[in-house]
Amino acid sequence: TVDAQRLEIRRVRGSDQAELGAFEC
C-alpha cells in the first residue's frame, strides 16, 4: 500500500522533461 511518508505531490516543472517523456501508464 502507498506509504504517504514516501510520497511527494508537486507541480510539474520544466526541469521534469526527461521524466515526463519516460512515463508509461
mmCIF file of all heavy atoms, coordinates in Angstrom:
data_MODEL
# 
_entry.id   MODEL 
# 
loop_
_atom_site.group_PDB 
_atom_site.id 
_atom_site.type_symbol 
_atom_site.label_atom_id 
_atom_site.label_alt_id 
_atom_site.label_comp_id 
_atom_site.label_asym_id 
_atom_site.label_entity_id 
_atom_site.label_seq_id 
_atom_site.pdbx_PDB_ins_code 
_atom_site.Cartn_x 
_atom_site.Cartn_y 
_atom_site.Cartn_z 
_atom_site.occupancy 
_atom_site.B_iso_or_equiv 
_atom_site.pdbx_formal_charge 
_atom_site.auth_seq_id 
_atom_site.auth_comp_id 
_atom_site.auth_asym_id 
_atom_site.auth_atom_id 
_atom_site.pdbx_PDB_model_num 
ATOM 1   N N   . THR A 1 1  ? 0.851  -1.184 0.000   1.00 0.00 ? 1  THR A N   1 
ATOM 2   C CA  . THR A 1 1  ? 0.000  0.000  0.000   1.00 0.00 ? 1  THR A CA  1 
ATOM 3   C C   . THR A 1 1  ? 0.890  1.239  0.000   1.00 0.00 ? 1  THR A C   1 
ATOM 4   O O   . THR A 1 1  ? 1.941  1.249  0.646   1.00 0.00 ? 1  THR A O   1 
ATOM 5   C CB  . THR A 1 1  ? -0.908 0.013  1.245   1.00 0.00 ? 1  THR A CB  1 
ATOM 6   O OG1 . THR A 1 1  ? -1.685 -1.193 1.243   1.00 0.00 ? 1  THR A OG1 1 
ATOM 7   C CG2 . THR A 1 1  ? -1.836 1.202  1.249   1.00 0.00 ? 1  THR A CG2 1 
ATOM 8   N N   . VAL A 1 2  ? 0.475  2.267  -0.706  1.00 0.00 ? 2  VAL A N   1 
ATOM 9   C CA  . VAL A 1 2  ? 1.246  3.507  -0.760  1.00 0.00 ? 2  VAL A CA  1 
ATOM 10  C C   . VAL A 1 2  ? 1.492  4.022  0.650   1.00 0.00 ? 2  VAL A C   1 
ATOM 11  O O   . VAL A 1 2  ? 0.573  4.113  1.467   1.00 0.00 ? 2  VAL A O   1 
ATOM 12  C CB  . VAL A 1 2  ? 0.505  4.581  -1.588  1.00 0.00 ? 2  VAL A CB  1 
ATOM 13  C CG1 . VAL A 1 2  ? 1.191  5.924  -1.477  1.00 0.00 ? 2  VAL A CG1 1 
ATOM 14  C CG2 . VAL A 1 2  ? 0.416  4.168  -3.037  1.00 0.00 ? 2  VAL A CG2 1 
ATOM 15  N N   . ASP A 1 3  ? 2.733  4.355  0.936   1.00 0.00 ? 3  ASP A N   1 
ATOM 16  C CA  . ASP A 1 3  ? 3.124  4.959  2.205   1.00 0.00 ? 3  ASP A CA  1 
ATOM 17  C C   . ASP A 1 3  ? 3.172  6.473  1.985   1.00 0.00 ? 3  ASP A C   1 
ATOM 18  O O   . ASP A 1 3  ? 4.025  6.965  1.240   1.00 0.00 ? 3  ASP A O   1 
ATOM 19  C CB  . ASP A 1 3  ? 4.489  4.424  2.625   1.00 0.00 ? 3  ASP A CB  1 
ATOM 20  C CG  . ASP A 1 3  ? 5.025  5.041  3.900   1.00 0.00 ? 3  ASP A CG  1 
ATOM 21  O OD1 . ASP A 1 3  ? 4.398  5.967  4.458   1.00 0.00 ? 3  ASP A OD1 1 
ATOM 22  O OD2 . ASP A 1 3  ? 6.103  4.602  4.341   1.00 0.00 ? 3  ASP A OD2 1 
ATOM 23  N N   . ALA A 1 4  ? 2.271  7.194  2.623   1.00 0.00 ? 4  ALA A N   1 
ATOM 24  C CA  . ALA A 1 4  ? 2.165  8.653  2.425   1.00 0.00 ? 4  ALA A CA  1 
ATOM 25  C C   . ALA A 1 4  ? 3.473  9.371  2.764   1.00 0.00 ? 4  ALA A C   1 
ATOM 26  O O   . ALA A 1 4  ? 3.755  10.426 2.194   1.00 0.00 ? 4  ALA A O   1 
ATOM 27  C CB  . ALA A 1 4  ? 1.021  9.213  3.264   1.00 0.00 ? 4  ALA A CB  1 
ATOM 28  N N   . GLN A 1 5  ? 4.268  8.813  3.661   1.00 0.00 ? 5  GLN A N   1 
ATOM 29  C CA  . GLN A 1 5  ? 5.541  9.440  4.041   1.00 0.00 ? 5  GLN A CA  1 
ATOM 30  C C   . GLN A 1 5  ? 6.562  9.408  2.901   1.00 0.00 ? 5  GLN A C   1 
ATOM 31  O O   . GLN A 1 5  ? 7.488  10.210 2.882   1.00 0.00 ? 5  GLN A O   1 
ATOM 32  C CB  . GLN A 1 5  ? 6.124  8.750  5.285   1.00 0.00 ? 5  GLN A CB  1 
ATOM 33  C CG  . GLN A 1 5  ? 5.226  8.820  6.500   1.00 0.00 ? 5  GLN A CG  1 
ATOM 34  C CD  . GLN A 1 5  ? 4.955  10.243 6.939   1.00 0.00 ? 5  GLN A CD  1 
ATOM 35  O OE1 . GLN A 1 5  ? 5.863  11.068 6.989   1.00 0.00 ? 5  GLN A OE1 1 
ATOM 36  N NE2 . GLN A 1 5  ? 3.705  10.545 7.233   1.00 0.00 ? 5  GLN A NE2 1 
ATOM 37  N N   . ARG A 1 6  ? 6.383  8.481  1.974   1.00 0.00 ? 6  ARG A N   1 
ATOM 38  C CA  . ARG A 1 6  ? 7.327  8.339  0.859   1.00 0.00 ? 6  ARG A CA  1 
ATOM 39  C C   . ARG A 1 6  ? 6.833  9.040  -0.407  1.00 0.00 ? 6  ARG A C   1 
ATOM 40  O O   . ARG A 1 6  ? 7.491  9.011  -1.437  1.00 0.00 ? 6  ARG A O   1 
ATOM 41  C CB  . ARG A 1 6  ? 7.551  6.856  0.581   1.00 0.00 ? 6  ARG A CB  1 
ATOM 42  C CG  . ARG A 1 6  ? 8.183  6.139  1.767   1.00 0.00 ? 6  ARG A CG  1 
ATOM 43  C CD  . ARG A 1 6  ? 8.128  4.644  1.654   1.00 0.00 ? 6  ARG A CD  1 
ATOM 44  N NE  . ARG A 1 6  ? 8.842  4.144  0.492   1.00 0.00 ? 6  ARG A NE  1 
ATOM 45  C CZ  . ARG A 1 6  ? 8.796  2.872  0.103   1.00 0.00 ? 6  ARG A CZ  1 
ATOM 46  N NH1 . ARG A 1 6  ? 8.080  1.982  0.790   1.00 0.00 ? 6  ARG A NH1 1 
ATOM 47  N NH2 . ARG A 1 6  ? 9.454  2.483  -0.962  1.00 0.00 ? 6  ARG A NH2 1 
ATOM 48  N N   . LEU A 1 7  ? 5.657  9.678  -0.320  1.00 0.00 ? 7  LEU A N   1 
ATOM 49  C CA  . LEU A 1 7  ? 5.011  10.300 -1.471  1.00 0.00 ? 7  LEU A CA  1 
ATOM 50  C C   . LEU A 1 7  ? 5.131  11.816 -1.420  1.00 0.00 ? 7  LEU A C   1 
ATOM 51  O O   . LEU A 1 7  ? 4.855  12.432 -0.401  1.00 0.00 ? 7  LEU A O   1 
ATOM 52  C CB  . LEU A 1 7  ? 3.527  9.905  -1.500  1.00 0.00 ? 7  LEU A CB  1 
ATOM 53  C CG  . LEU A 1 7  ? 2.684  10.465 -2.627  1.00 0.00 ? 7  LEU A CG  1 
ATOM 54  C CD1 . LEU A 1 7  ? 3.136  9.907  -3.978  1.00 0.00 ? 7  LEU A CD1 1 
ATOM 55  C CD2 . LEU A 1 7  ? 1.217  10.135 -2.387  1.00 0.00 ? 7  LEU A CD2 1 
ATOM 56  N N   . GLU A 1 8  ? 5.539  12.390 -2.528  1.00 0.00 ? 8  GLU A N   1 
ATOM 57  C CA  . GLU A 1 8  ? 5.554  13.845 -2.688  1.00 0.00 ? 8  GLU A CA  1 
ATOM 58  C C   . GLU A 1 8  ? 4.688  14.168 -3.898  1.00 0.00 ? 8  GLU A C   1 
ATOM 59  O O   . GLU A 1 8  ? 4.862  13.577 -4.972  1.00 0.00 ? 8  GLU A O   1 
ATOM 60  C CB  . GLU A 1 8  ? 6.987  14.359 -2.935  1.00 0.00 ? 8  GLU A CB  1 
ATOM 61  C CG  . GLU A 1 8  ? 7.037  15.840 -3.246  1.00 0.00 ? 8  GLU A CG  1 
ATOM 62  C CD  . GLU A 1 8  ? 8.394  16.309 -3.763  1.00 0.00 ? 8  GLU A CD  1 
ATOM 63  O OE1 . GLU A 1 8  ? 9.302  15.488 -3.962  1.00 0.00 ? 8  GLU A OE1 1 
ATOM 64  O OE2 . GLU A 1 8  ? 8.524  17.528 -3.996  1.00 0.00 ? 8  GLU A OE2 1 
ATOM 65  N N   . ILE A 1 9  ? 3.770  15.108 -3.731  1.00 0.00 ? 9  ILE A N   1 
ATOM 66  C CA  . ILE A 1 9  ? 2.949  15.576 -4.852  1.00 0.00 ? 9  ILE A CA  1 
ATOM 67  C C   . ILE A 1 9  ? 3.271  17.041 -5.052  1.00 0.00 ? 9  ILE A C   1 
ATOM 68  O O   . ILE A 1 9  ? 3.133  17.850 -4.128  1.00 0.00 ? 9  ILE A O   1 
ATOM 69  C CB  . ILE A 1 9  ? 1.442  15.372 -4.574  1.00 0.00 ? 9  ILE A CB  1 
ATOM 70  C CG1 . ILE A 1 9  ? 1.147  13.881 -4.338  1.00 0.00 ? 9  ILE A CG1 1 
ATOM 71  C CG2 . ILE A 1 9  ? 0.612  15.912 -5.741  1.00 0.00 ? 9  ILE A CG2 1 
ATOM 72  C CD1 . ILE A 1 9  ? -0.286 13.585 -3.925  1.00 0.00 ? 9  ILE A CD1 1 
ATOM 73  N N   . ARG A 1 10 ? 3.732  17.377 -6.251  1.00 0.00 ? 10 ARG A N   1 
ATOM 74  C CA  . ARG A 1 10 ? 4.111  18.759 -6.552  1.00 0.00 ? 10 ARG A CA  1 
ATOM 75  C C   . ARG A 1 10 ? 3.817  19.094 -8.003  1.00 0.00 ? 10 ARG A C   1 
ATOM 76  O O   . ARG A 1 10 ? 3.653  18.204 -8.837  1.00 0.00 ? 10 ARG A O   1 
ATOM 77  C CB  . ARG A 1 10 ? 5.580  18.990 -6.240  1.00 0.00 ? 10 ARG A CB  1 
ATOM 78  C CG  . ARG A 1 10 ? 6.510  18.177 -7.125  1.00 0.00 ? 10 ARG A CG  1 
ATOM 79  C CD  . ARG A 1 10 ? 7.901  18.779 -7.152  1.00 0.00 ? 10 ARG A CD  1 
ATOM 80  N NE  . ARG A 1 10 ? 8.844  17.983 -7.888  1.00 0.00 ? 10 ARG A NE  1 
ATOM 81  C CZ  . ARG A 1 10 ? 8.962  17.975 -9.221  1.00 0.00 ? 10 ARG A CZ  1 
ATOM 82  N NH1 . ARG A 1 10 ? 8.168  18.699 -9.970  1.00 0.00 ? 10 ARG A NH1 1 
ATOM 83  N NH2 . ARG A 1 10 ? 9.877  17.230 -9.812  1.00 0.00 ? 10 ARG A NH2 1 
ATOM 84  N N   . ARG A 1 11 ? 3.764  20.389 -8.287  1.00 0.00 ? 11 ARG A N   1 
ATOM 85  C CA  . ARG A 1 11 ? 3.503  20.853 -9.654  1.00 0.00 ? 11 ARG A CA  1 
ATOM 86  C C   . ARG A 1 11 ? 4.623  20.419 -10.588 1.00 0.00 ? 11 ARG A C   1 
ATOM 87  O O   . ARG A 1 11 ? 5.788  20.369 -10.204 1.00 0.00 ? 11 ARG A O   1 
ATOM 88  C CB  . ARG A 1 11 ? 3.402  22.380 -9.694  1.00 0.00 ? 11 ARG A CB  1 
ATOM 89  C CG  . ARG A 1 11 ? 2.101  22.910 -9.162  1.00 0.00 ? 11 ARG A CG  1 
ATOM 90  C CD  . ARG A 1 11 ? 2.121  24.417 -9.096  1.00 0.00 ? 11 ARG A CD  1 
ATOM 91  N NE  . ARG A 1 11 ? 2.033  24.983 -10.426 1.00 0.00 ? 11 ARG A NE  1 
ATOM 92  C CZ  . ARG A 1 11 ? 1.201  25.944 -10.768 1.00 0.00 ? 11 ARG A CZ  1 
ATOM 93  N NH1 . ARG A 1 11 ? 0.383  26.463 -9.874  1.00 0.00 ? 11 ARG A NH1 1 
ATOM 94  N NH2 . ARG A 1 11 ? 1.187  26.426 -11.988 1.00 0.00 ? 11 ARG A NH2 1 
ATOM 95  N N   . VAL A 1 12 ? 4.245  20.134 -11.813 1.00 0.00 ? 12 VAL A N   1 
ATOM 96  C CA  . VAL A 1 12 ? 5.225  19.796 -12.842 1.00 0.00 ? 12 VAL A CA  1 
ATOM 97  C C   . VAL A 1 12 ? 6.071  21.033 -13.153 1.00 0.00 ? 12 VAL A C   1 
ATOM 98  O O   . VAL A 1 12 ? 5.580  22.165 -13.085 1.00 0.00 ? 12 VAL A O   1 
ATOM 99  C CB  . VAL A 1 12 ? 4.523  19.245 -14.110 1.00 0.00 ? 12 VAL A CB  1 
ATOM 100 C CG1 . VAL A 1 12 ? 3.697  20.289 -14.806 1.00 0.00 ? 12 VAL A CG1 1 
ATOM 101 C CG2 . VAL A 1 12 ? 5.519  18.622 -15.063 1.00 0.00 ? 12 VAL A CG2 1 
ATOM 102 N N   . ARG A 1 13 ? 7.342  20.811 -13.475 1.00 0.00 ? 13 ARG A N   1 
ATOM 103 C CA  . ARG A 1 13 ? 8.275  21.891 -13.807 1.00 0.00 ? 13 ARG A CA  1 
ATOM 104 C C   . ARG A 1 13 ? 8.988  21.554 -15.119 1.00 0.00 ? 13 ARG A C   1 
ATOM 105 O O   . ARG A 1 13 ? 9.079  20.382 -15.497 1.00 0.00 ? 13 ARG A O   1 
ATOM 106 C CB  . ARG A 1 13 ? 9.331  22.043 -12.708 1.00 0.00 ? 13 ARG A CB  1 
ATOM 107 C CG  . ARG A 1 13 ? 8.779  22.246 -11.332 1.00 0.00 ? 13 ARG A CG  1 
ATOM 108 C CD  . ARG A 1 13 ? 9.889  22.511 -10.327 1.00 0.00 ? 13 ARG A CD  1 
ATOM 109 N NE  . ARG A 1 13 ? 10.601 21.316 -9.930  1.00 0.00 ? 13 ARG A NE  1 
ATOM 110 C CZ  . ARG A 1 13 ? 10.717 20.902 -8.666  1.00 0.00 ? 13 ARG A CZ  1 
ATOM 111 N NH1 . ARG A 1 13 ? 10.143 21.556 -7.691  1.00 0.00 ? 13 ARG A NH1 1 
ATOM 112 N NH2 . ARG A 1 13 ? 11.419 19.831 -8.398  1.00 0.00 ? 13 ARG A NH2 1 
ATOM 113 N N   . GLY A 1 14 ? 9.514  22.568 -15.747 1.00 0.00 ? 14 GLY A N   1 
ATOM 114 C CA  . GLY A 1 14 ? 10.266 22.378 -16.986 1.00 0.00 ? 14 GLY A CA  1 
ATOM 115 C C   . GLY A 1 14 ? 11.432 21.425 -16.820 1.00 0.00 ? 14 GLY A C   1 
ATOM 116 O O   . GLY A 1 14 ? 11.771 20.675 -17.741 1.00 0.00 ? 14 GLY A O   1 
ATOM 117 N N   . SER A 1 15 ? 12.030 21.409 -15.638 1.00 0.00 ? 15 SER A N   1 
ATOM 118 C CA  . SER A 1 15 ? 13.175 20.525 -15.388 1.00 0.00 ? 15 SER A CA  1 
ATOM 119 C C   . SER A 1 15 ? 12.773 19.049 -15.289 1.00 0.00 ? 15 SER A C   1 
ATOM 120 O O   . SER A 1 15 ? 13.634 18.179 -15.205 1.00 0.00 ? 15 SER A O   1 
ATOM 121 C CB  . SER A 1 15 ? 13.903 20.954 -14.108 1.00 0.00 ? 15 SER A CB  1 
ATOM 122 O OG  . SER A 1 15 ? 13.024 20.904 -13.003 1.00 0.00 ? 15 SER A OG  1 
ATOM 123 N N   . ASP A 1 16 ? 11.479 18.762 -15.332 1.00 0.00 ? 16 ASP A N   1 
ATOM 124 C CA  . ASP A 1 16 ? 10.992 17.381 -15.261 1.00 0.00 ? 16 ASP A CA  1 
ATOM 125 C C   . ASP A 1 16 ? 10.888 16.710 -16.629 1.00 0.00 ? 16 ASP A C   1 
ATOM 126 O O   . ASP A 1 16 ? 10.441 15.569 -16.713 1.00 0.00 ? 16 ASP A O   1 
ATOM 127 C CB  . ASP A 1 16 ? 9.589  17.341 -14.620 1.00 0.00 ? 16 ASP A CB  1 
ATOM 128 C CG  . ASP A 1 16 ? 9.585  17.806 -13.187 1.00 0.00 ? 16 ASP A CG  1 
ATOM 129 O OD1 . ASP A 1 16 ? 10.509 17.423 -12.439 1.00 0.00 ? 16 ASP A OD1 1 
ATOM 130 O OD2 . ASP A 1 16 ? 8.644  18.542 -12.812 1.00 0.00 ? 16 ASP A OD2 1 
ATOM 131 N N   . GLN A 1 17 ? 11.270 17.379 -17.690 1.00 0.00 ? 17 GLN A N   1 
ATOM 132 C CA  . GLN A 1 17 ? 11.009 16.903 -19.051 1.00 0.00 ? 17 GLN A CA  1 
ATOM 133 C C   . GLN A 1 17 ? 11.458 15.466 -19.309 1.00 0.00 ? 17 GLN A C   1 
ATOM 134 O O   . GLN A 1 17 ? 10.733 14.693 -19.924 1.00 0.00 ? 17 GLN A O   1 
ATOM 135 C CB  . GLN A 1 17 ? 11.652 17.851 -20.075 1.00 0.00 ? 17 GLN A CB  1 
ATOM 136 C CG  . GLN A 1 17 ? 11.036 17.765 -21.439 1.00 0.00 ? 17 GLN A CG  1 
ATOM 137 C CD  . GLN A 1 17 ? 9.553  18.154 -21.457 1.00 0.00 ? 17 GLN A CD  1 
ATOM 138 O OE1 . GLN A 1 17 ? 9.166  19.201 -20.993 1.00 0.00 ? 17 GLN A OE1 1 
ATOM 139 N NE2 . GLN A 1 17 ? 8.724  17.281 -22.006 1.00 0.00 ? 17 GLN A NE2 1 
ATOM 140 N N   . ALA A 1 18 ? 12.632 15.074 -18.834 1.00 0.00 ? 18 ALA A N   1 
ATOM 141 C CA  . ALA A 1 18 ? 13.118 13.706 -19.080 1.00 0.00 ? 18 ALA A CA  1 
ATOM 142 C C   . ALA A 1 18 ? 12.192 12.676 -18.427 1.00 0.00 ? 18 ALA A C   1 
ATOM 143 O O   . ALA A 1 18 ? 11.863 11.655 -19.051 1.00 0.00 ? 18 ALA A O   1 
ATOM 144 C CB  . ALA A 1 18 ? 14.545 13.543 -18.557 1.00 0.00 ? 18 ALA A CB  1 
ATOM 145 N N   . GLU A 1 19 ? 11.749 12.937 -17.197 1.00 0.00 ? 19 GLU A N   1 
ATOM 146 C CA  . GLU A 1 19 ? 10.850 12.012 -16.501 1.00 0.00 ? 19 GLU A CA  1 
ATOM 147 C C   . GLU A 1 19 ? 9.491  11.939 -17.194 1.00 0.00 ? 19 GLU A C   1 
ATOM 148 O O   . GLU A 1 19 ? 8.881  10.880 -17.277 1.00 0.00 ? 19 GLU A O   1 
ATOM 149 C CB  . GLU A 1 19 ? 10.659 12.423 -15.036 1.00 0.00 ? 19 GLU A CB  1 
ATOM 150 C CG  . GLU A 1 19 ? 11.887 12.212 -14.175 1.00 0.00 ? 19 GLU A CG  1 
ATOM 151 C CD  . GLU A 1 19 ? 12.880 13.368 -14.259 1.00 0.00 ? 19 GLU A CD  1 
ATOM 152 O OE1 . GLU A 1 19 ? 12.618 14.375 -14.963 1.00 0.00 ? 19 GLU A OE1 1 
ATOM 153 O OE2 . GLU A 1 19 ? 13.938 13.249 -13.635 1.00 0.00 ? 19 GLU A OE2 1 
ATOM 154 N N   . LEU A 1 20 ? 9.031  13.080 -17.701 1.00 0.00 ? 20 LEU A N   1 
ATOM 155 C CA  . LEU A 1 20 ? 7.737  13.112 -18.383 1.00 0.00 ? 20 LEU A CA  1 
ATOM 156 C C   . LEU A 1 20 ? 7.771  12.237 -19.627 1.00 0.00 ? 20 LEU A C   1 
ATOM 157 O O   . LEU A 1 20 ? 6.826  11.497 -19.906 1.00 0.00 ? 20 LEU A O   1 
ATOM 158 C CB  . LEU A 1 20 ? 7.346  14.540 -18.766 1.00 0.00 ? 20 LEU A CB  1 
ATOM 159 C CG  . LEU A 1 20 ? 7.310  15.585 -17.646 1.00 0.00 ? 20 LEU A CG  1 
ATOM 160 C CD1 . LEU A 1 20 ? 6.817  16.917 -18.198 1.00 0.00 ? 20 LEU A CD1 1 
ATOM 161 C CD2 . LEU A 1 20 ? 6.485  15.132 -16.467 1.00 0.00 ? 20 LEU A CD2 1 
ATOM 162 N N   . GLY A 1 21 ? 8.848  12.324 -20.375 1.00 0.00 ? 21 GLY A N   1 
ATOM 163 C CA  . GLY A 1 21 ? 8.979  11.543 -21.600 1.00 0.00 ? 21 GLY A CA  1 
ATOM 164 C C   . GLY A 1 21 ? 9.080  10.049 -21.362 1.00 0.00 ? 21 GLY A C   1 
ATOM 165 O O   . GLY A 1 21 ? 8.710  9.249  -22.216 1.00 0.00 ? 21 GLY A O   1 
ATOM 166 N N   . ALA A 1 22 ? 9.569  9.649  -20.192 1.00 0.00 ? 22 ALA A N   1 
ATOM 167 C CA  . ALA A 1 22 ? 9.736  8.225  -19.875 1.00 0.00 ? 22 ALA A CA  1 
ATOM 168 C C   . ALA A 1 22 ? 8.502  7.625  -19.204 1.00 0.00 ? 22 ALA A C   1 
ATOM 169 O O   . ALA A 1 22 ? 8.431  6.412  -19.031 1.00 0.00 ? 22 ALA A O   1 
ATOM 170 C CB  . ALA A 1 22 ? 10.955 8.048  -18.969 1.00 0.00 ? 22 ALA A CB  1 
ATOM 171 N N   . PHE A 1 23 ? 7.509  8.455  -18.855 1.00 0.00 ? 23 PHE A N   1 
ATOM 172 C CA  . PHE A 1 23 ? 6.332  7.950  -18.140 1.00 0.00 ? 23 PHE A CA  1 
ATOM 173 C C   . PHE A 1 23 ? 5.541  6.996  -19.018 1.00 0.00 ? 23 PHE A C   1 
ATOM 174 O O   . PHE A 1 23 ? 5.285  7.258  -20.183 1.00 0.00 ? 23 PHE A O   1 
ATOM 175 C CB  . PHE A 1 23 ? 5.439  9.125  -17.714 1.00 0.00 ? 23 PHE A CB  1 
ATOM 176 C CG  . PHE A 1 23 ? 4.249  8.703  -16.903 1.00 0.00 ? 23 PHE A CG  1 
ATOM 177 C CD1 . PHE A 1 23 ? 4.392  8.398  -15.558 1.00 0.00 ? 23 PHE A CD1 1 
ATOM 178 C CD2 . PHE A 1 23 ? 2.993  8.613  -17.477 1.00 0.00 ? 23 PHE A CD2 1 
ATOM 179 C CE1 . PHE A 1 23 ? 3.305  8.011  -14.795 1.00 0.00 ? 23 PHE A CE1 1 
ATOM 180 C CE2 . PHE A 1 23 ? 1.893  8.219  -16.730 1.00 0.00 ? 23 PHE A CE2 1 
ATOM 181 C CZ  . PHE A 1 23 ? 2.049  7.923  -15.377 1.00 0.00 ? 23 PHE A CZ  1 
ATOM 182 N N   . GLU A 1 24 ? 5.113  5.871  -18.427 1.00 0.00 ? 24 GLU A N   1 
ATOM 183 C CA  . GLU A 1 24 ? 4.341  4.857  -19.156 1.00 0.00 ? 24 GLU A CA  1 
ATOM 184 C C   . GLU A 1 24 ? 3.256  4.304  -18.235 1.00 0.00 ? 24 GLU A C   1 
ATOM 185 O O   . GLU A 1 24 ? 3.548  3.642  -17.239 1.00 0.00 ? 24 GLU A O   1 
ATOM 186 C CB  . GLU A 1 24 ? 5.251  3.721  -19.627 1.00 0.00 ? 24 GLU A CB  1 
ATOM 187 C CG  . GLU A 1 24 ? 4.533  2.555  -20.253 1.00 0.00 ? 24 GLU A CG  1 
ATOM 188 C CD  . GLU A 1 24 ? 3.605  2.937  -21.400 1.00 0.00 ? 24 GLU A CD  1 
ATOM 189 O OE1 . GLU A 1 24 ? 4.067  3.632  -22.321 1.00 0.00 ? 24 GLU A OE1 1 
ATOM 190 O OE2 . GLU A 1 24 ? 2.434  2.540  -21.372 1.00 0.00 ? 24 GLU A OE2 1 
ATOM 191 N N   . CYS A 1 25 ? 2.014  4.600  -18.595 1.00 0.00 ? 25 CYS A N   1 
ATOM 192 C CA  . CYS A 1 25 ? 0.890  4.108  -17.791 1.00 0.00 ? 25 CYS A CA  1 
ATOM 193 C C   . CYS A 1 25 ? 0.078  3.044  -18.525 1.00 0.00 ? 25 CYS A C   1 
ATOM 194 O O   . CYS A 1 25 ? -0.844 2.464  -17.949 1.00 0.00 ? 25 CYS A O   1 
ATOM 195 C CB  . CYS A 1 25 ? -0.015 5.261  -17.384 1.00 0.00 ? 25 CYS A CB  1 
ATOM 196 S SG  . CYS A 1 25 ? -0.932 6.000  -18.752 1.00 0.00 ? 25 CYS A SG  1 
# 
